[in-house]
Structures are given as C-alpha cells and as structure tokens.
Amino acid sequence: VTFSNSLVVAENGEKIKIGTLWKTQTIMFVFLRHFACISCRGHAQQIWADRQIYESKGAKIIFVGNGSPGMVSKFKEDMGIQDAPIF
C-alpha cells in the first residue's frame, strides 16, 4: 500500500483515498495528533489564520487528524474554522 492509496475519513464518514486530494491542485497537509490536543489546536488556528498566504500561492490547506469523524464538527466550531477541510 502506498501513501496515495491510504484512506482518510471525511467528516460525513466517507472514506477517500488521500492521493485523490492532490490530483488537481497543490495541497498543504497539516497533520494533527488529535483533535483534543492543545498544541494541535493552536497550530491549526495559526495555519488557518494565515491561509491567505498559502492560498495565494495556489495551495489548499487540508487538516488530517486522529479521532472519530464526529469529533471534527466540534473541533471546527471550537477553532472557528468551519470552512476548513478536515479528515
């Protein structure tokens, strides 16, 4: 199994091959240890606040964390990043 064939789970529970996420555009993956991790939360908030810098260069930010898909909506709400793609 190669990394591009590895599966990530979307907020709605859909399983997606991670390699399909970078087929049409440059992706900046931000890996989070866990959605409840204080350091990860701070990192996600900082990256998302600076997203215009990355997006102006053509990159799309995608967060990948450890936890159940049900934890994503709470994480988004807590961090104020409702529009962020998180797997």
PDB file of N, CA and C in Angstrom:
ATOM      1  N   VAL A   1       0.847  -1.175   0.000  1.00  0.00           N
ATOM      2  CA  VAL A   1       0.000   0.000   0.000  1.00  0.00           C
ATOM      3  C   VAL A   1       0.894   1.240   0.000  1.00  0.00           C
ATOM      4  N   THR A   2       0.661   2.115  -0.930  1.00  0.00           N
ATOM      5  CA  THR A   2       1.404   3.374  -0.968  1.00  0.00           C
ATOM      6  C   THR A   2       0.615   4.443  -0.222  1.00  0.00           C
ATOM      7  N   PHE A   3       1.304   5.515   0.149  1.00  0.00           N
ATOM      8  CA  PHE A   3       0.651   6.604   0.870  1.00  0.00           C
ATOM      9  C   PHE A   3      -0.549   7.135   0.094  1.00  0.00           C
ATOM     10  N   SER A   4      -0.417   7.288  -1.218  1.00  0.00           N
ATOM     11  CA  SER A   4      -1.507   7.864  -2.009  1.00  0.00           C
ATOM     12  C   SER A   4      -2.753   6.984  -2.021  1.00  0.00           C
ATOM     13  N   ASN A   5      -2.600   5.697  -1.696  1.00  0.00           N
ATOM     14  CA  ASN A   5      -3.756   4.800  -1.630  1.00  0.00           C
ATOM     15  C   ASN A   5      -4.336   4.676  -0.227  1.00  0.00           C
ATOM     16  N   SER A   6      -3.684   5.314   0.746  1.00  0.00           N
ATOM     17  CA  SER A   6      -4.187   5.279   2.118  1.00  0.00           C
ATOM     18  C   SER A   6      -5.513   6.003   2.209  1.00  0.00           C
ATOM     19  N   LEU A   7      -6.366   5.524   3.087  1.00  0.00           N
ATOM     20  CA  LEU A   7      -7.697   6.118   3.224  1.00  0.00           C
ATOM     21  C   LEU A   7      -7.742   7.105   4.384  1.00  0.00           C
ATOM     22  N   VAL A   8      -8.455   8.205   4.151  1.00  0.00           N
ATOM     23  CA  VAL A   8      -8.803   9.143   5.209  1.00  0.00           C
ATOM     24  C   VAL A   8     -10.319   9.175   5.265  1.00  0.00           C
ATOM     25  N   VAL A   9     -10.844   9.559   6.401  1.00  0.00           N
ATOM     26  CA  VAL A   9     -12.294   9.560   6.586  1.00  0.00           C
ATOM     27  C   VAL A   9     -12.772  11.003   6.698  1.00  0.00           C
ATOM     28  N   ALA A  10     -13.734  11.352   5.850  1.00  0.00           N
ATOM     29  CA  ALA A  10     -14.304  12.696   5.854  1.00  0.00           C
ATOM     30  C   ALA A  10     -15.247  12.863   7.044  1.00  0.00           C
ATOM     31  N   GLU A  11     -15.599  14.093   7.298  1.00  0.00           N
ATOM     32  CA  GLU A  11     -16.489  14.413   8.414  1.00  0.00           C
ATOM     33  C   GLU A  11     -17.809  13.650   8.331  1.00  0.00           C
ATOM     34  N   ASN A  12     -18.271  13.398   7.106  1.00  0.00           N
ATOM     35  CA  ASN A  12     -19.533  12.676   6.921  1.00  0.00           C
ATOM     36  C   ASN A  12     -19.366  11.159   6.955  1.00  0.00           C
ATOM     37  N   GLY A  13     -18.129  10.685   7.217  1.00  0.00           N
ATOM     38  CA  GLY A  13     -17.863   9.253   7.307  1.00  0.00           C
ATOM     39  C   GLY A  13     -17.394   8.626   6.007  1.00  0.00           C
ATOM     40  N   GLU A  14     -17.396   9.382   4.922  1.00  0.00           N
ATOM     41  CA  GLU A  14     -16.956   8.857   3.624  1.00  0.00           C
ATOM     42  C   GLU A  14     -15.452   8.596   3.648  1.00  0.00           C
ATOM     43  N   LYS A  15     -15.038   7.432   3.144  1.00  0.00           N
ATOM     44  CA  LYS A  15     -13.625   7.093   3.050  1.00  0.00           C
ATOM     45  C   LYS A  15     -13.098   7.533   1.687  1.00  0.00           C
ATOM     46  N   ILE A  16     -11.958   8.223   1.712  1.00  0.00           N
ATOM     47  CA  ILE A  16     -11.389   8.809   0.493  1.00  0.00           C
ATOM     48  C   ILE A  16      -9.912   8.438   0.415  1.00  0.00           C
ATOM     49  N   LYS A  17      -9.439   8.049  -0.771  1.00  0.00           N
ATOM     50  CA  LYS A  17      -8.008   7.821  -0.951  1.00  0.00           C
ATOM     51  C   LYS A  17      -7.318   9.174  -0.885  1.00  0.00           C
ATOM     52  N   ILE A  18      -6.330   9.281  -0.019  1.00  0.00           N
ATOM     53  CA  ILE A  18      -5.676  10.560   0.204  1.00  0.00           C
ATOM     54  C   ILE A  18      -5.036  11.101  -1.087  1.00  0.00           C
ATOM     55  N   GLY A  19      -4.599  10.218  -1.951  1.00  0.00           N
ATOM     56  CA  GLY A  19      -3.983  10.639  -3.211  1.00  0.00           C
ATOM     57  C   GLY A  19      -4.911  11.402  -4.133  1.00  0.00           C
ATOM     58  N   THR A  20      -6.217  11.204  -3.992  1.00  0.00           N
ATOM     59  CA  THR A  20      -7.159  11.925  -4.857  1.00  0.00           C
ATOM     60  C   THR A  20      -7.266  13.401  -4.471  1.00  0.00           C
ATOM     61  N   LEU A  21      -6.808  13.734  -3.276  1.00  0.00           N
ATOM     62  CA  LEU A  21      -6.939  15.114  -2.800  1.00  0.00           C
ATOM     63  C   LEU A  21      -5.963  16.067  -3.481  1.00  0.00           C
ATOM     64  N   TRP A  22      -4.857  15.540  -4.018  1.00  0.00           N
ATOM     65  CA  TRP A  22      -3.888  16.424  -4.668  1.00  0.00           C
ATOM     66  C   TRP A  22      -3.833  16.247  -6.181  1.00  0.00           C
ATOM     67  N   LYS A  23      -4.835  15.623  -6.743  1.00  0.00           N
ATOM     68  CA  LYS A  23      -4.850  15.388  -8.187  1.00  0.00           C
ATOM     69  C   LYS A  23      -4.947  16.678  -8.996  1.00  0.00           C
ATOM     70  N   THR A  24      -5.709  17.644  -8.510  1.00  0.00           N
ATOM     71  CA  THR A  24      -5.971  18.834  -9.317  1.00  0.00           C
ATOM     72  C   THR A  24      -5.337  20.108  -8.776  1.00  0.00           C
ATOM     73  N   GLN A  25      -4.716  20.036  -7.601  1.00  0.00           N
ATOM     74  CA  GLN A  25      -4.123  21.239  -7.039  1.00  0.00           C
ATOM     75  C   GLN A  25      -3.099  20.881  -5.970  1.00  0.00           C
ATOM     76  N   THR A  26      -2.233  21.829  -5.692  1.00  0.00           N
ATOM     77  CA  THR A  26      -1.243  21.644  -4.639  1.00  0.00           C
ATOM     78  C   THR A  26      -1.941  21.646  -3.286  1.00  0.00           C
ATOM     79  N   ILE A  27      -1.587  20.687  -2.460  1.00  0.00           N
ATOM     80  CA  ILE A  27      -2.202  20.557  -1.139  1.00  0.00           C
ATOM     81  C   ILE A  27      -1.142  20.748  -0.066  1.00  0.00           C
ATOM     82  N   MET A  28      -1.501  21.468   0.971  1.00  0.00           N
ATOM     83  CA  MET A  28      -0.665  21.589   2.159  1.00  0.00           C
ATOM     84  C   MET A  28      -1.362  20.797   3.252  1.00  0.00           C
ATOM     85  N   PHE A  29      -0.844  19.614   3.526  1.00  0.00           N
ATOM     86  CA  PHE A  29      -1.415  18.791   4.580  1.00  0.00           C
ATOM     87  C   PHE A  29      -0.883  19.262   5.926  1.00  0.00           C
ATOM     88  N   VAL A  30      -1.787  19.400   6.878  1.00  0.00           N
ATOM     89  CA  VAL A  30      -1.420  19.726   8.250  1.00  0.00           C
ATOM     90  C   VAL A  30      -1.891  18.546   9.095  1.00  0.00           C
ATOM     91  N   PHE A  31      -0.934  17.789   9.602  1.00  0.00           N
ATOM     92  CA  PHE A  31      -1.258  16.610  10.392  1.00  0.00           C
ATOM     93  C   PHE A  31      -1.359  16.991  11.864  1.00  0.00           C
ATOM     94  N   LEU A  32      -2.450  16.573  12.474  1.00  0.00           N
ATOM     95  CA  LEU A  32      -2.723  16.865  13.878  1.00  0.00           C
ATOM     96  C   LEU A  32      -2.680  15.563  14.659  1.00  0.00           C
ATOM     97  N   ARG A  33      -2.059  15.580  15.817  1.00  0.00           N
ATOM     98  CA  ARG A  33      -2.000  14.356  16.633  1.00  0.00           C
ATOM     99  C   ARG A  33      -3.394  13.915  17.052  1.00  0.00           C
ATOM    100  N   HIS A  34      -4.175  14.875  17.518  1.00  0.00           N
ATOM    101  CA  HIS A  34      -5.522  14.563  17.976  1.00  0.00           C
ATOM    102  C   HIS A  34      -6.318  15.857  18.028  1.00  0.00           C
ATOM    103  N   PHE A  35      -7.605  15.765  17.783  1.00  0.00           N
ATOM    104  CA  PHE A  35      -8.452  16.961  17.763  1.00  0.00           C
ATOM    105  C   PHE A  35      -8.563  17.629  19.133  1.00  0.00           C
ATOM    106  N   ALA A  36      -8.255  16.913  20.204  1.00  0.00           N
ATOM    107  CA  ALA A  36      -8.330  17.488  21.547  1.00  0.00           C
ATOM    108  C   ALA A  36      -6.982  18.014  22.039  1.00  0.00           C
ATOM    109  N   CYS A  37      -5.924  17.808  21.273  1.00  0.00           N
ATOM    110  CA  CYS A  37      -4.578  18.229  21.664  1.00  0.00           C
ATOM    111  C   CYS A  37      -4.478  19.758  21.647  1.00  0.00           C
ATOM    112  N   ILE A  38      -4.061  20.332  22.764  1.00  0.00           N
ATOM    113  CA  ILE A  38      -3.968  21.786  22.874  1.00  0.00           C
ATOM    114  C   ILE A  38      -2.968  22.356  21.870  1.00  0.00           C
ATOM    115  N   SER A  39      -1.819  21.714  21.714  1.00  0.00           N
ATOM    116  CA  SER A  39      -0.815  22.185  20.755  1.00  0.00           C
ATOM    117  C   SER A  39      -1.338  22.104  19.325  1.00  0.00           C
ATOM    118  N   CYS A  40      -2.024  21.017  19.010  1.00  0.00           N
ATOM    119  CA  CYS A  40      -2.578  20.839  17.666  1.00  0.00           C
ATOM    120  C   CYS A  40      -3.640  21.900  17.374  1.00  0.00           C
ATOM    121  N   ARG A  41      -4.423  22.214  18.373  1.00  0.00           N
ATOM    122  CA  ARG A  41      -5.458  23.236  18.205  1.00  0.00           C
ATOM    123  C   ARG A  41      -4.825  24.593  17.910  1.00  0.00           C
ATOM    124  N   GLY A  42      -3.784  24.930  18.642  1.00  0.00           N
ATOM    125  CA  GLY A  42      -3.090  26.191  18.399  1.00  0.00           C
ATOM    126  C   GLY A  42      -2.458  26.233  17.022  1.00  0.00           C
ATOM    127  N   HIS A  43      -1.863  25.120  16.620  1.00  0.00           N
ATOM    128  CA  HIS A  43      -1.235  25.024  15.299  1.00  0.00           C
ATOM    129  C   HIS A  43      -2.277  25.186  14.201  1.00  0.00           C
ATOM    130  N   ALA A  44      -3.397  24.497  14.338  1.00  0.00           N
ATOM    131  CA  ALA A  44      -4.464  24.585  13.333  1.00  0.00           C
ATOM    132  C   ALA A  44      -5.001  26.011  13.230  1.00  0.00           C
ATOM    133  N   GLN A  45      -5.185  26.643  14.361  1.00  0.00           N
ATOM    134  CA  GLN A  45      -5.701  28.008  14.374  1.00  0.00           C
ATOM    135  C   GLN A  45      -4.730  28.962  13.678  1.00  0.00           C
ATOM    136  N   GLN A  46      -3.440  28.801  13.940  1.00  0.00           N
ATOM    137  CA  GLN A  46      -2.428  29.662  13.335  1.00  0.00           C
ATOM    138  C   GLN A  46      -2.368  29.456  11.816  1.00  0.00           C
ATOM    139  N   ILE A  47      -2.333  28.202  11.385  1.00  0.00           N
ATOM    140  CA  ILE A  47      -2.282  27.902   9.945  1.00  0.00           C
ATOM    141  C   ILE A  47      -3.515  28.465   9.251  1.00  0.00           C
ATOM    142  N   TRP A  48      -4.692  28.255   9.847  1.00  0.00           N
ATOM    143  CA  TRP A  48      -5.926  28.714   9.216  1.00  0.00           C
ATOM    144  C   TRP A  48      -5.975  30.244   9.157  1.00  0.00           C
ATOM    145  N   ALA A  49      -5.464  30.917  10.185  1.00  0.00           N
ATOM    146  CA  ALA A  49      -5.430  32.384  10.194  1.00  0.00           C
ATOM    147  C   ALA A  49      -4.530  32.923   9.073  1.00  0.00           C
ATOM    148  N   ASP A  50      -3.497  32.160   8.717  1.00  0.00           N
ATOM    149  CA  ASP A  50      -2.563  32.571   7.661  1.00  0.00           C
ATOM    150  C   ASP A  50      -2.886  31.944   6.313  1.00  0.00           C
ATOM    151  N   ARG A  51      -4.059  31.356   6.169  1.00  0.00           N
ATOM    152  CA  ARG A  51      -4.374  30.585   4.957  1.00  0.00           C
ATOM    153  C   ARG A  51      -4.267  31.398   3.677  1.00  0.00           C
ATOM    154  N   GLN A  52      -4.525  32.700   3.728  1.00  0.00           N
ATOM    155  CA  GLN A  52      -4.447  33.514   2.506  1.00  0.00           C
ATOM    156  C   GLN A  52      -3.035  33.529   1.933  1.00  0.00           C
ATOM    157  N   ILE A  53      -2.038  33.443   2.796  1.00  0.00           N
ATOM    158  CA  ILE A  53      -0.647  33.376   2.327  1.00  0.00           C
ATOM    159  C   ILE A  53      -0.452  32.128   1.475  1.00  0.00           C
ATOM    160  N   TYR A  54      -0.927  30.999   1.970  1.00  0.00           N
ATOM    161  CA  TYR A  54      -0.750  29.723   1.268  1.00  0.00           C
ATOM    162  C   TYR A  54      -1.650  29.639   0.032  1.00  0.00           C
ATOM    163  N   GLU A  55      -2.892  30.082   0.192  1.00  0.00           N
ATOM    164  CA  GLU A  55      -3.833  30.016  -0.930  1.00  0.00           C
ATOM    165  C   GLU A  55      -3.416  30.949  -2.069  1.00  0.00           C
ATOM    166  N   SER A  56      -2.777  32.071  -1.751  1.00  0.00           N
ATOM    167  CA  SER A  56      -2.323  32.992  -2.798  1.00  0.00           C
ATOM    168  C   SER A  56      -1.227  32.368  -3.655  1.00  0.00           C
ATOM    169  N   LYS A  57      -0.566  31.348  -3.128  1.00  0.00           N
ATOM    170  CA  LYS A  57       0.468  30.614  -3.870  1.00  0.00           C
ATOM    171  C   LYS A  57      -0.112  29.376  -4.558  1.00  0.00           C
ATOM    172  N   GLY A  58      -1.437  29.178  -4.441  1.00  0.00           N
ATOM    173  CA  GLY A  58      -2.093  28.071  -5.122  1.00  0.00           C
ATOM    174  C   GLY A  58      -2.298  26.821  -4.290  1.00  0.00           C
ATOM    175  N   ALA A  59      -1.963  26.877  -3.009  1.00  0.00           N
ATOM    176  CA  ALA A  59      -2.100  25.691  -2.154  1.00  0.00           C
ATOM    177  C   ALA A  59      -3.446  25.676  -1.440  1.00  0.00           C
ATOM    178  N   LYS A  60      -3.967  24.499  -1.262  1.00  0.00           N
ATOM    179  CA  LYS A  60      -5.179  24.297  -0.475  1.00  0.00           C
ATOM    180  C   LYS A  60      -4.771  23.607   0.817  1.00  0.00           C
ATOM    181  N   ILE A  61      -5.255  24.106   1.947  1.00  0.00           N
ATOM    182  CA  ILE A  61      -4.925  23.530   3.242  1.00  0.00           C
ATOM    183  C   ILE A  61      -5.927  22.435   3.576  1.00  0.00           C
ATOM    184  N   ILE A  62      -5.401  21.283   3.961  1.00  0.00           N
ATOM    185  CA  ILE A  62      -6.231  20.170   4.413  1.00  0.00           C
ATOM    186  C   ILE A  62      -5.651  19.656   5.724  1.00  0.00           C
ATOM    187  N   PHE A  63      -6.501  19.577   6.730  1.00  0.00           N
ATOM    188  CA  PHE A  63      -6.095  19.052   8.029  1.00  0.00           C
ATOM    189  C   PHE A  63      -6.415  17.562   8.095  1.00  0.00           C
ATOM    190  N   VAL A  64      -5.500  16.801   8.672  1.00  0.00           N
ATOM    191  CA  VAL A  64      -5.703  15.371   8.881  1.00  0.00           C
ATOM    192  C   VAL A  64      -5.393  15.099  10.353  1.00  0.00           C
ATOM    193  N   GLY A  65      -6.388  14.603  11.075  1.00  0.00           N
ATOM    194  CA  GLY A  65      -6.202  14.381  12.499  1.00  0.00           C
ATOM    195  C   GLY A  65      -6.608  13.000  12.932  1.00  0.00           C
ATOM    196  N   ASN A  66      -6.277  12.694  14.163  1.00  0.00           N
ATOM    197  CA  ASN A  66      -6.673  11.429  14.768  1.00  0.00           C
ATOM    198  C   ASN A  66      -7.890  11.665  15.637  1.00  0.00           C
ATOM    199  N   GLY A  67      -8.882  10.863  15.424  1.00  0.00           N
ATOM    200  CA  GLY A  67     -10.132  10.969  16.165  1.00  0.00           C
ATOM    201  C   GLY A  67     -11.266  10.532  15.256  1.00  0.00           C
ATOM    202  N   SER A  68     -12.421  10.435  15.806  1.00  0.00           N
ATOM    203  CA  SER A  68     -13.573   9.989  15.009  1.00  0.00           C
ATOM    204  C   SER A  68     -14.107  11.138  14.162  1.00  0.00           C
ATOM    205  N   PRO A  69     -14.779  10.810  13.060  1.00  0.00           N
ATOM    206  CA  PRO A  69     -15.367  11.858  12.229  1.00  0.00           C
ATOM    207  C   PRO A  69     -16.313  12.761  13.026  1.00  0.00           C
ATOM    208  N   GLY A  70     -16.952  12.209  14.050  1.00  0.00           N
ATOM    209  CA  GLY A  70     -17.868  13.006  14.854  1.00  0.00           C
ATOM    210  C   GLY A  70     -17.178  14.100  15.655  1.00  0.00           C
ATOM    211  N   MET A  71     -15.873  13.985  15.857  1.00  0.00           N
ATOM    212  CA  MET A  71     -15.123  14.995  16.601  1.00  0.00           C
ATOM    213  C   MET A  71     -14.804  16.221  15.751  1.00  0.00           C
ATOM    214  N   VAL A  72     -14.903  16.073  14.442  1.00  0.00           N
ATOM    215  CA  VAL A  72     -14.494  17.144  13.536  1.00  0.00           C
ATOM    216  C   VAL A  72     -15.367  18.383  13.691  1.00  0.00           C
ATOM    217  N   SER A  73     -16.675  18.226  13.748  1.00  0.00           N
ATOM    218  CA  SER A  73     -17.558  19.398  13.823  1.00  0.00           C
ATOM    219  C   SER A  73     -17.302  20.208  15.094  1.00  0.00           C
ATOM    220  N   LYS A  74     -17.058  19.544  16.218  1.00  0.00           N
ATOM    221  CA  LYS A  74     -16.749  20.238  17.463  1.00  0.00           C
ATOM    222  C   LYS A  74     -15.405  20.958  17.358  1.00  0.00           C
ATOM    223  N   PHE A  75     -14.439  20.296  16.751  1.00  0.00           N
ATOM    224  CA  PHE A  75     -13.121  20.895  16.536  1.00  0.00           C
ATOM    225  C   PHE A  75     -13.253  22.158  15.685  1.00  0.00           C
ATOM    226  N   LYS A  76     -13.990  22.057  14.587  1.00  0.00           N
ATOM    227  CA  LYS A  76     -14.196  23.216  13.710  1.00  0.00           C
ATOM    228  C   LYS A  76     -14.858  24.361  14.461  1.00  0.00           C
ATOM    229  N   GLU A  77     -15.872  24.040  15.225  1.00  0.00           N
ATOM    230  CA  GLU A  77     -16.595  25.056  15.987  1.00  0.00           C
ATOM    231  C   GLU A  77     -15.673  25.710  17.021  1.00  0.00           C
ATOM    232  N   ASP A  78     -14.964  24.914  17.770  1.00  0.00           N
ATOM    233  CA  ASP A  78     -14.069  25.430  18.804  1.00  0.00           C
ATOM    234  C   ASP A  78     -12.967  26.321  18.204  1.00  0.00           C
ATOM    235  N   MET A  79     -12.464  25.950  17.054  1.00  0.00           N
ATOM    236  CA  MET A  79     -11.356  26.667  16.443  1.00  0.00           C
ATOM    237  C   MET A  79     -11.808  27.805  15.521  1.00  0.00           C
ATOM    238  N   GLY A  80     -13.108  27.864  15.219  1.00  0.00           N
ATOM    239  CA  GLY A  80     -13.607  28.885  14.305  1.00  0.00           C
ATOM    240  C   GLY A  80     -13.139  28.657  12.887  1.00  0.00           C
ATOM    241  N   ILE A  81     -13.023  27.391  12.499  1.00  0.00           N
ATOM    242  CA  ILE A  81     -12.548  27.055  11.158  1.00  0.00           C
ATOM    243  C   ILE A  81     -13.562  26.172  10.426  1.00  0.00           C
ATOM    244  N   GLN A  82     -14.813  26.599  10.436  1.00  0.00           N
ATOM    245  CA  GLN A  82     -15.892  25.797   9.860  1.00  0.00           C
ATOM    246  C   GLN A  82     -15.679  25.459   8.391  1.00  0.00           C
ATOM    247  N   ASP A  83     -14.983  26.299   7.637  1.00  0.00           N
ATOM    248  CA  ASP A  83     -14.796  26.056   6.211  1.00  0.00           C
ATOM    249  C   ASP A  83     -13.590  25.174   5.901  1.00  0.00           C
ATOM    250  N   ALA A  84     -12.831  24.812   6.921  1.00  0.00           N
ATOM    251  CA  ALA A  84     -11.612  24.018   6.697  1.00  0.00           C
ATOM    252  C   ALA A  84     -11.937  22.570   6.353  1.00  0.00           C
ATOM    253  N   PRO A  85     -11.290  22.020   5.323  1.00  0.00           N
ATOM    254  CA  PRO A  85     -11.447  20.597   5.044  1.00  0.00           C
ATOM    255  C   PRO A  85     -10.622  19.803   6.055  1.00  0.00           C
ATOM    256  N   ILE A  86     -11.298  18.922   6.774  1.00  0.00           N
ATOM    257  CA  ILE A  86     -10.640  18.139   7.822  1.00  0.00           C
ATOM    258  C   ILE A  86     -11.022  16.669   7.663  1.00  0.00           C
ATOM    259  N   PHE A  87     -10.005  15.816   7.729  1.00  0.00           N
ATOM    260  CA  PHE A  87     -10.197  14.375   7.624  1.00  0.00           C
ATOM    261  C   PHE A  87      -9.639  13.712   8.859  1.00  0.00           C
TER     262      PHE A  87
END
